[in-house]
Amino acid sequence: MTAIQVRQPDALPQISWERLPSDFTLPDEPVESNLQPLLAAALRESLELAGLILESILIASNFGICANVSEKTIVKAPDWVYVKSVKPIPEGENRRSYTPLLEGDVPGIVIEFVSETEGGEYSINPHYPYGKWYFYEQILQVPIYGIFHPKTGELDIFRLEAGKYQQQIQDEYRRYWIEEIGLFLGVWQGQKAQLAAFWLRWWDQSGNLLLWGVEQVEQERQRAEQAEVALAEERIASQRLAKKLRELGVDPNSLQE
């Protein structure tokens, strides 16, 4: 079995990156509410429509991220994960899970949605099966860890600095600059999929909101309506001018020759 060994500080357990056996049973973490998959899908949708998802990028939700710690296989399934560069998988195969360094980059961004029961998003348990915070910070060493509270709309972003997560400060628009993806991340309150809620949204460096598909359709509809109104106004103005010229004894058609 192929494995990549990574030397860790003495305080950490022995970590290696090994391909999961084909018969390994991945944990099936239940989705806590119908909002969670919608949040994850919406976060991806605007990136895809903006042409920001390349073939080498992995974006997934509730998807197993694996590591071998002290000879035990650890799998955590974040609600949303972004990996900038992954190795392609053989044609016809499905990616069941992802092992960093062995299959590509360490995830650049991991986001957890806090549920009603709280699933250990803040857990720093340093022992098997390890808390999510500890796993992302110490084992995977993910640069950006986000924790989103859908019920209240609160978003906390932590950046890995000197081996520890440090809470980041929002800008004046209550957004966070995410260097790993070159966009701002913030909270938007409104309706999508007939559901009024707090949503995570992306903004570009100029402050322009990355639109969802339905918003793009609506924007195009409004542009078409505006163009139609402008054309109608131009037609009315032309008719009025022609009438005025006739009243002055001038044939409007003669001016077009």
C-alpha atoms as a PDB file:
ATOM      1  CA  MET A   1       0.000   0.000   0.000  1.00  0.00           C
ATOM      2  CA  THR A   2       1.391   3.386  -1.010  1.00  0.00           C
ATOM      3  CA  ALA A   3       1.941   5.813   1.846  1.00  0.00           C
ATOM      4  CA  ILE A   4       3.504   9.234   2.304  1.00  0.00           C
ATOM      5  CA  GLN A   5       5.143   9.868   5.655  1.00  0.00           C
ATOM      6  CA  VAL A   6       5.137  13.408   7.030  1.00  0.00           C
ATOM      7  CA  ARG A   7       7.331  14.280   9.977  1.00  0.00           C
ATOM      8  CA  GLN A   8       5.357  15.914  12.756  1.00  0.00           C
ATOM      9  CA  PRO A   9       6.379  17.700  15.976  1.00  0.00           C
ATOM     10  CA  ASP A  10       6.995  15.349  18.905  1.00  0.00           C
ATOM     11  CA  ALA A  11       3.785  16.506  20.608  1.00  0.00           C
ATOM     12  CA  LEU A  12       1.674  15.147  17.775  1.00  0.00           C
ATOM     13  CA  PRO A  13       0.817  11.511  17.116  1.00  0.00           C
ATOM     14  CA  GLN A  14       2.440   9.740  14.181  1.00  0.00           C
ATOM     15  CA  ILE A  15       0.598  10.768  11.015  1.00  0.00           C
ATOM     16  CA  SER A  16       0.744   9.161   7.585  1.00  0.00           C
ATOM     17  CA  TRP A  17      -1.263   9.531   4.426  1.00  0.00           C
ATOM     18  CA  GLU A  18      -2.440   6.199   3.076  1.00  0.00           C
ATOM     19  CA  ARG A  19      -4.911   5.203   0.422  1.00  0.00           C
ATOM     20  CA  LEU A  20      -8.055   3.704   1.896  1.00  0.00           C
ATOM     21  CA  PRO A  21      -8.651   0.038   1.132  1.00  0.00           C
ATOM     22  CA  SER A  22     -11.368  -0.434  -1.463  1.00  0.00           C
ATOM     23  CA  ASP A  23     -13.522  -2.270   1.077  1.00  0.00           C
ATOM     24  CA  PHE A  24     -13.183   0.395   3.784  1.00  0.00           C
ATOM     25  CA  THR A  25     -16.602   1.412   5.076  1.00  0.00           C
ATOM     26  CA  LEU A  26     -16.816   5.178   5.194  1.00  0.00           C
ATOM     27  CA  PRO A  27     -18.825   6.679   8.047  1.00  0.00           C
ATOM     28  CA  ASP A  28     -22.232   7.890   6.948  1.00  0.00           C
ATOM     29  CA  GLU A  29     -22.788  11.142   8.799  1.00  0.00           C
ATOM     30  CA  PRO A  30     -26.467  12.102   8.626  1.00  0.00           C
ATOM     31  CA  VAL A  31     -27.471  15.504   7.311  1.00  0.00           C
ATOM     32  CA  GLU A  32     -28.940  17.393  10.265  1.00  0.00           C
ATOM     33  CA  SER A  33     -31.427  19.485   8.229  1.00  0.00           C
ATOM     34  CA  ASN A  34     -32.580  20.133   4.668  1.00  0.00           C
ATOM     35  CA  LEU A  35     -30.769  23.490   4.818  1.00  0.00           C
ATOM     36  CA  GLN A  36     -27.249  22.056   5.124  1.00  0.00           C
ATOM     37  CA  PRO A  37     -26.992  20.527   1.619  1.00  0.00           C
ATOM     38  CA  LEU A  38     -28.600  23.667   0.159  1.00  0.00           C
ATOM     39  CA  LEU A  39     -25.996  25.858   1.878  1.00  0.00           C
ATOM     40  CA  ALA A  40     -23.174  23.745   0.494  1.00  0.00           C
ATOM     41  CA  ALA A  41     -24.640  23.633  -3.013  1.00  0.00           C
ATOM     42  CA  ALA A  42     -25.227  27.395  -3.067  1.00  0.00           C
ATOM     43  CA  LEU A  43     -21.639  28.041  -2.003  1.00  0.00           C
ATOM     44  CA  ARG A  44     -20.393  25.990  -4.948  1.00  0.00           C
ATOM     45  CA  GLU A  45     -22.965  27.163  -7.509  1.00  0.00           C
ATOM     46  CA  SER A  46     -21.816  30.774  -7.744  1.00  0.00           C
ATOM     47  CA  LEU A  47     -18.174  29.685  -8.117  1.00  0.00           C
ATOM     48  CA  GLU A  48     -19.085  27.351 -10.953  1.00  0.00           C
ATOM     49  CA  LEU A  49     -21.209  29.937 -12.783  1.00  0.00           C
ATOM     50  CA  ALA A  50     -18.370  32.450 -12.467  1.00  0.00           C
ATOM     51  CA  GLY A  51     -16.019  29.984 -14.163  1.00  0.00           C
ATOM     52  CA  LEU A  52     -13.827  29.636 -11.082  1.00  0.00           C
ATOM     53  CA  ILE A  53     -13.899  25.853 -10.765  1.00  0.00           C
ATOM     54  CA  LEU A  54     -11.151  24.179 -12.751  1.00  0.00           C
ATOM     55  CA  GLU A  55     -10.859  20.461 -13.440  1.00  0.00           C
ATOM     56  CA  SER A  56      -8.044  20.166 -10.906  1.00  0.00           C
ATOM     57  CA  ILE A  57     -10.135  21.647  -8.083  1.00  0.00           C
ATOM     58  CA  LEU A  58     -12.072  19.498  -5.642  1.00  0.00           C
ATOM     59  CA  ILE A  59     -15.138  20.971  -3.966  1.00  0.00           C
ATOM     60  CA  ALA A  60     -17.318  18.632  -1.956  1.00  0.00           C
ATOM     61  CA  SER A  61     -19.770  18.497   0.932  1.00  0.00           C
ATOM     62  CA  ASN A  62     -20.163  15.854   3.636  1.00  0.00           C
ATOM     63  CA  PHE A  63     -17.184  14.130   1.992  1.00  0.00           C
ATOM     64  CA  GLY A  64     -14.615  11.984   3.799  1.00  0.00           C
ATOM     65  CA  ILE A  65     -11.151  13.524   4.337  1.00  0.00           C
ATOM     66  CA  CYS A  66      -8.733  10.869   5.554  1.00  0.00           C
ATOM     67  CA  ALA A  67      -5.536  10.513   7.530  1.00  0.00           C
ATOM     68  CA  ASN A  68      -3.810   7.645   9.322  1.00  0.00           C
ATOM     69  CA  VAL A  69      -3.043   8.676  12.892  1.00  0.00           C
ATOM     70  CA  SER A  70      -1.171   6.334  15.217  1.00  0.00           C
ATOM     71  CA  GLU A  71      -2.000   3.484  12.842  1.00  0.00           C
ATOM     72  CA  LYS A  72      -5.721   4.257  13.005  1.00  0.00           C
ATOM     73  CA  THR A  73      -7.677   5.519  10.015  1.00  0.00           C
ATOM     74  CA  ILE A  74      -9.411   8.809  10.785  1.00  0.00           C
ATOM     75  CA  VAL A  75     -12.116  10.143   8.508  1.00  0.00           C
ATOM     76  CA  LYS A  76     -13.891  13.459   8.984  1.00  0.00           C
ATOM     77  CA  ALA A  77     -16.610  14.654   6.620  1.00  0.00           C
ATOM     78  CA  PRO A  78     -16.717  18.478   6.615  1.00  0.00           C
ATOM     79  CA  ASP A  79     -19.870  20.201   5.452  1.00  0.00           C
ATOM     80  CA  TRP A  80     -17.880  22.002   2.735  1.00  0.00           C
ATOM     81  CA  VAL A  81     -14.290  21.577   1.595  1.00  0.00           C
ATOM     82  CA  TYR A  82     -12.162  23.249  -1.086  1.00  0.00           C
ATOM     83  CA  VAL A  83      -8.957  21.713  -2.435  1.00  0.00           C
ATOM     84  CA  LYS A  84      -7.082  23.744  -5.040  1.00  0.00           C
ATOM     85  CA  SER A  85      -5.295  20.908  -6.802  1.00  0.00           C
ATOM     86  CA  VAL A  86      -5.959  17.168  -6.795  1.00  0.00           C
ATOM     87  CA  LYS A  87      -4.603  14.351  -8.911  1.00  0.00           C
ATOM     88  CA  PRO A  88      -7.040  12.987 -11.495  1.00  0.00           C
ATOM     89  CA  ILE A  89      -8.660   9.637 -10.808  1.00  0.00           C
ATOM     90  CA  PRO A  90      -8.797   6.842 -13.409  1.00  0.00           C
ATOM     91  CA  GLU A  91     -11.603   7.164 -15.926  1.00  0.00           C
ATOM     92  CA  GLY A  92     -14.753   5.409 -14.825  1.00  0.00           C
ATOM     93  CA  GLU A  93     -13.919   5.558 -11.117  1.00  0.00           C
ATOM     94  CA  ASN A  94     -15.645   7.663  -8.481  1.00  0.00           C
ATOM     95  CA  ARG A  95     -13.775   9.485  -5.745  1.00  0.00           C
ATOM     96  CA  ARG A  96     -15.078   7.890  -2.536  1.00  0.00           C
ATOM     97  CA  SER A  97     -12.883   9.928  -0.221  1.00  0.00           C
ATOM     98  CA  TYR A  98      -9.800  12.130  -0.258  1.00  0.00           C
ATOM     99  CA  THR A  99      -6.375  11.613   1.331  1.00  0.00           C
ATOM    100  CA  PRO A 100      -4.333  14.863   1.332  1.00  0.00           C
ATOM    101  CA  LEU A 101      -0.739  14.835   0.066  1.00  0.00           C
ATOM    102  CA  LEU A 102      -1.245  11.359  -1.359  1.00  0.00           C
ATOM    103  CA  GLU A 103      -3.973  12.494  -3.785  1.00  0.00           C
ATOM    104  CA  GLY A 104      -3.205  16.210  -3.993  1.00  0.00           C
ATOM    105  CA  ASP A 105      -3.028  19.352  -1.892  1.00  0.00           C
ATOM    106  CA  VAL A 106      -4.078  19.732   1.701  1.00  0.00           C
ATOM    107  CA  PRO A 107      -7.577  21.305   1.716  1.00  0.00           C
ATOM    108  CA  GLY A 108      -7.312  25.083   1.554  1.00  0.00           C
ATOM    109  CA  ILE A 109     -10.724  25.766   3.116  1.00  0.00           C
ATOM    110  CA  VAL A 110     -12.960  23.724   5.376  1.00  0.00           C
ATOM    111  CA  ILE A 111     -16.349  25.006   6.549  1.00  0.00           C
ATOM    112  CA  GLU A 112     -18.643  23.429   9.118  1.00  0.00           C
ATOM    113  CA  PHE A 113     -22.305  24.334   9.605  1.00  0.00           C
ATOM    114  CA  VAL A 114     -23.245  24.249  13.287  1.00  0.00           C
ATOM    115  CA  SER A 115     -26.280  22.064  13.896  1.00  0.00           C
ATOM    116  CA  GLU A 116     -28.875  22.263  16.642  1.00  0.00           C
ATOM    117  CA  THR A 117     -27.047  19.529  18.548  1.00  0.00           C
ATOM    118  CA  GLU A 118     -23.537  20.822  17.739  1.00  0.00           C
ATOM    119  CA  GLY A 119     -21.356  18.187  16.128  1.00  0.00           C
ATOM    120  CA  GLY A 120     -18.048  19.029  17.771  1.00  0.00           C
ATOM    121  CA  GLU A 121     -17.099  21.855  15.403  1.00  0.00           C
ATOM    122  CA  TYR A 122     -15.062  23.442  18.212  1.00  0.00           C
ATOM    123  CA  SER A 123     -13.705  20.202  19.666  1.00  0.00           C
ATOM    124  CA  ILE A 124      -9.958  20.160  20.355  1.00  0.00           C
ATOM    125  CA  ASN A 125      -9.954  16.578  21.632  1.00  0.00           C
ATOM    126  CA  PRO A 126      -6.358  15.391  20.931  1.00  0.00           C
ATOM    127  CA  HIS A 127      -7.195  11.703  21.347  1.00  0.00           C
ATOM    128  CA  TYR A 128      -8.880   9.158  19.107  1.00  0.00           C
ATOM    129  CA  PRO A 129     -11.270   9.770  17.345  1.00  0.00           C
ATOM    130  CA  TYR A 130     -10.020  13.400  17.582  1.00  0.00           C
ATOM    131  CA  GLY A 131     -12.104  16.555  17.563  1.00  0.00           C
ATOM    132  CA  LYS A 132     -12.833  18.353  14.322  1.00  0.00           C
ATOM    133  CA  TRP A 133     -10.909  21.477  15.349  1.00  0.00           C
ATOM    134  CA  TYR A 134      -7.881  19.379  16.342  1.00  0.00           C
ATOM    135  CA  PHE A 135      -8.099  17.314  13.161  1.00  0.00           C
ATOM    136  CA  TYR A 136      -8.201  20.354  10.857  1.00  0.00           C
ATOM    137  CA  GLU A 137      -5.670  22.412  12.816  1.00  0.00           C
ATOM    138  CA  GLN A 138      -3.061  19.889  13.946  1.00  0.00           C
ATOM    139  CA  ILE A 139      -3.406  16.858  11.681  1.00  0.00           C
ATOM    140  CA  LEU A 140      -4.499  18.257   8.306  1.00  0.00           C
ATOM    141  CA  GLN A 141      -3.240  21.789   9.007  1.00  0.00           C
ATOM    142  CA  VAL A 142      -5.942  23.376   6.842  1.00  0.00           C
ATOM    143  CA  PRO A 143      -5.150  27.096   6.320  1.00  0.00           C
ATOM    144  CA  ILE A 144      -8.758  28.332   6.640  1.00  0.00           C
ATOM    145  CA  TYR A 145     -11.403  26.928   8.963  1.00  0.00           C
ATOM    146  CA  GLY A 146     -14.869  28.458   8.877  1.00  0.00           C
ATOM    147  CA  ILE A 147     -17.698  27.813  11.322  1.00  0.00           C
ATOM    148  CA  PHE A 148     -21.141  29.013  10.261  1.00  0.00           C
ATOM    149  CA  HIS A 149     -24.252  29.215  12.442  1.00  0.00           C
ATOM    150  CA  PRO A 150     -27.196  29.031   9.995  1.00  0.00           C
ATOM    151  CA  LYS A 151     -29.746  29.848  12.682  1.00  0.00           C
ATOM    152  CA  THR A 152     -28.161  33.177  13.688  1.00  0.00           C
ATOM    153  CA  GLY A 153     -26.182  34.004  10.552  1.00  0.00           C
ATOM    154  CA  GLU A 154     -22.894  34.205  12.462  1.00  0.00           C
ATOM    155  CA  LEU A 155     -19.733  33.281  10.578  1.00  0.00           C
ATOM    156  CA  ASP A 156     -16.323  32.877  12.200  1.00  0.00           C
ATOM    157  CA  ILE A 157     -13.209  32.451  10.091  1.00  0.00           C
ATOM    158  CA  PHE A 158      -9.973  31.130  11.562  1.00  0.00           C
ATOM    159  CA  ARG A 159      -6.587  31.203   9.824  1.00  0.00           C
ATOM    160  CA  LEU A 160      -3.708  28.872  10.677  1.00  0.00           C
ATOM    161  CA  GLU A 161      -0.862  30.996  12.018  1.00  0.00           C
ATOM    162  CA  ALA A 162       2.210  29.477  13.666  1.00  0.00           C
ATOM    163  CA  GLY A 163       0.390  26.159  13.976  1.00  0.00           C
ATOM    164  CA  LYS A 164      -2.705  27.560  15.706  1.00  0.00           C
ATOM    165  CA  TYR A 165      -6.021  28.898  14.447  1.00  0.00           C
ATOM    166  CA  GLN A 166      -6.410  32.633  14.942  1.00  0.00           C
ATOM    167  CA  GLN A 167      -9.825  34.268  14.571  1.00  0.00           C
ATOM    168  CA  GLN A 168      -9.966  36.730  11.682  1.00  0.00           C
ATOM    169  CA  ILE A 169     -11.573  40.166  11.680  1.00  0.00           C
ATOM    170  CA  GLN A 170     -14.377  41.108   9.281  1.00  0.00           C
ATOM    171  CA  ASP A 171     -14.057  44.137   7.023  1.00  0.00           C
ATOM    172  CA  GLU A 172     -16.474  47.076   7.092  1.00  0.00           C
ATOM    173  CA  TYR A 173     -18.970  45.028   5.044  1.00  0.00           C
ATOM    174  CA  ARG A 174     -18.770  42.104   7.499  1.00  0.00           C
ATOM    175  CA  ARG A 175     -16.899  39.963   5.003  1.00  0.00           C
ATOM    176  CA  TYR A 176     -13.667  37.997   5.203  1.00  0.00           C
ATOM    177  CA  TRP A 177     -10.975  38.054   2.530  1.00  0.00           C
ATOM    178  CA  ILE A 178     -10.115  34.437   1.654  1.00  0.00           C
ATOM    179  CA  GLU A 179      -6.751  34.578  -0.070  1.00  0.00           C
ATOM    180  CA  GLU A 180      -6.819  30.863  -0.914  1.00  0.00           C
ATOM    181  CA  ILE A 181      -9.654  31.450  -3.375  1.00  0.00           C
ATOM    182  CA  GLY A 182      -9.206  35.155  -4.105  1.00  0.00           C
ATOM    183  CA  LEU A 183     -12.675  36.158  -2.934  1.00  0.00           C
ATOM    184  CA  PHE A 184     -14.527  37.645  -0.001  1.00  0.00           C
ATOM    185  CA  LEU A 185     -16.808  35.359   2.006  1.00  0.00           C
ATOM    186  CA  GLY A 186     -19.741  36.716   3.959  1.00  0.00           C
ATOM    187  CA  VAL A 187     -23.334  36.200   5.023  1.00  0.00           C
ATOM    188  CA  TRP A 188     -26.353  37.208   2.956  1.00  0.00           C
ATOM    189  CA  GLN A 189     -29.929  37.061   4.206  1.00  0.00           C
ATOM    190  CA  GLY A 190     -32.645  36.287   1.705  1.00  0.00           C
ATOM    191  CA  GLN A 191     -34.490  33.601  -0.191  1.00  0.00           C
ATOM    192  CA  LYS A 192     -33.228  30.740  -2.326  1.00  0.00           C
ATOM    193  CA  ALA A 193     -34.967  27.508  -3.283  1.00  0.00           C
ATOM    194  CA  GLN A 194     -38.139  28.913  -1.685  1.00  0.00           C
ATOM    195  CA  LEU A 195     -36.337  29.044   1.647  1.00  0.00           C
ATOM    196  CA  ALA A 196     -35.679  32.279   3.545  1.00  0.00           C
ATOM    197  CA  ALA A 197     -32.441  31.915   5.497  1.00  0.00           C
ATOM    198  CA  PHE A 198     -28.922  33.142   6.083  1.00  0.00           C
ATOM    199  CA  TRP A 199     -26.643  32.039   3.241  1.00  0.00           C
ATOM    200  CA  LEU A 200     -22.898  32.078   2.722  1.00  0.00           C
ATOM    201  CA  ARG A 201     -22.007  34.116  -0.375  1.00  0.00           C
ATOM    202  CA  TRP A 202     -18.892  35.081  -2.348  1.00  0.00           C
ATOM    203  CA  TRP A 203     -17.906  38.593  -3.461  1.00  0.00           C
ATOM    204  CA  ASP A 204     -15.045  39.424  -5.830  1.00  0.00           C
ATOM    205  CA  GLN A 205     -12.223  41.810  -5.015  1.00  0.00           C
ATOM    206  CA  SER A 206     -14.248  44.757  -6.343  1.00  0.00           C
ATOM    207  CA  GLY A 207     -17.161  43.936  -4.065  1.00  0.00           C
ATOM    208  CA  ASN A 208     -19.404  42.422  -6.750  1.00  0.00           C
ATOM    209  CA  LEU A 209     -21.636  39.590  -5.546  1.00  0.00           C
ATOM    210  CA  LEU A 210     -21.161  36.280  -7.373  1.00  0.00           C
ATOM    211  CA  LEU A 211     -24.644  35.417  -8.564  1.00  0.00           C
ATOM    212  CA  TRP A 212     -26.613  32.200  -8.383  1.00  0.00           C
ATOM    213  CA  GLY A 213     -28.227  30.823 -11.526  1.00  0.00           C
ATOM    214  CA  VAL A 214     -31.695  32.127 -10.732  1.00  0.00           C
ATOM    215  CA  GLU A 215     -30.233  35.576 -10.087  1.00  0.00           C
ATOM    216  CA  GLN A 216     -28.420  35.549 -13.425  1.00  0.00           C
ATOM    217  CA  VAL A 217     -31.660  34.616 -15.184  1.00  0.00           C
ATOM    218  CA  GLU A 218     -33.481  37.443 -13.404  1.00  0.00           C
ATOM    219  CA  GLN A 219     -30.690  39.871 -14.259  1.00  0.00           C
ATOM    220  CA  GLU A 220     -30.894  38.932 -17.942  1.00  0.00           C
ATOM    221  CA  ARG A 221     -34.694  39.283 -17.844  1.00  0.00           C
ATOM    222  CA  GLN A 222     -34.373  42.774 -16.387  1.00  0.00           C
ATOM    223  CA  ARG A 223     -31.788  43.734 -19.008  1.00  0.00           C
ATOM    224  CA  ALA A 224     -34.087  42.481 -21.774  1.00  0.00           C
ATOM    225  CA  GLU A 225     -36.995  44.448 -20.311  1.00  0.00           C
ATOM    226  CA  GLN A 226     -34.875  47.588 -20.026  1.00  0.00           C
ATOM    227  CA  ALA A 227     -33.694  47.183 -23.615  1.00  0.00           C
ATOM    228  CA  GLU A 228     -37.301  46.717 -24.760  1.00  0.00           C
ATOM    229  CA  VAL A 229     -38.426  49.826 -22.845  1.00  0.00           C
ATOM    230  CA  ALA A 230     -35.528  51.852 -24.288  1.00  0.00           C
ATOM    231  CA  LEU A 231     -36.424  50.684 -27.807  1.00  0.00           C
ATOM    232  CA  ALA A 232     -40.098  51.564 -27.257  1.00  0.00           C
ATOM    233  CA  GLU A 233     -39.161  55.021 -25.967  1.00  0.00           C
ATOM    234  CA  GLU A 234     -36.888  55.552 -28.956  1.00  0.00           C
ATOM    235  CA  ARG A 235     -39.720  54.519 -31.285  1.00  0.00           C
ATOM    236  CA  ILE A 236     -42.173  56.914 -29.591  1.00  0.00           C
ATOM    237  CA  ALA A 237     -39.639  59.753 -29.765  1.00  0.00           C
ATOM    238  CA  SER A 238     -39.076  59.046 -33.452  1.00  0.00           C
ATOM    239  CA  GLN A 239     -42.821  59.065 -34.136  1.00  0.00           C
ATOM    240  CA  ARG A 240     -43.235  62.377 -32.300  1.00  0.00           C
ATOM    241  CA  LEU A 241     -40.398  63.913 -34.279  1.00  0.00           C
ATOM    242  CA  ALA A 242     -41.899  62.704 -37.539  1.00  0.00           C
ATOM    243  CA  LYS A 243     -45.277  64.177 -36.589  1.00  0.00           C
ATOM    244  CA  LYS A 244     -43.673  67.508 -35.699  1.00  0.00           C
ATOM    245  CA  LEU A 245     -41.813  67.614 -39.029  1.00  0.00           C
ATOM    246  CA  ARG A 246     -45.030  66.956 -40.932  1.00  0.00           C
ATOM    247  CA  GLU A 247     -46.703  69.790 -39.063  1.00  0.00           C
ATOM    248  CA  LEU A 248     -43.855  72.006 -40.297  1.00  0.00           C
ATOM    249  CA  GLY A 249     -44.389  70.765 -43.855  1.00  0.00           C
ATOM    250  CA  VAL A 250     -41.320  68.575 -43.944  1.00  0.00           C
ATOM    251  CA  ASP A 251     -41.503  64.994 -45.167  1.00  0.00           C
ATOM    252  CA  PRO A 252     -39.551  62.863 -42.604  1.00  0.00           C
ATOM    253  CA  ASN A 253     -38.753  60.299 -45.318  1.00  0.00           C
ATOM    254  CA  SER A 254     -36.929  62.938 -47.356  1.00  0.00           C
ATOM    255  CA  LEU A 255     -34.472  63.405 -44.505  1.00  0.00           C
ATOM    256  CA  GLN A 256     -33.472  59.773 -44.672  1.00  0.00           C
ATOM    257  CA  GLU A 257     -32.510  59.918 -48.358  1.00  0.00           C
END
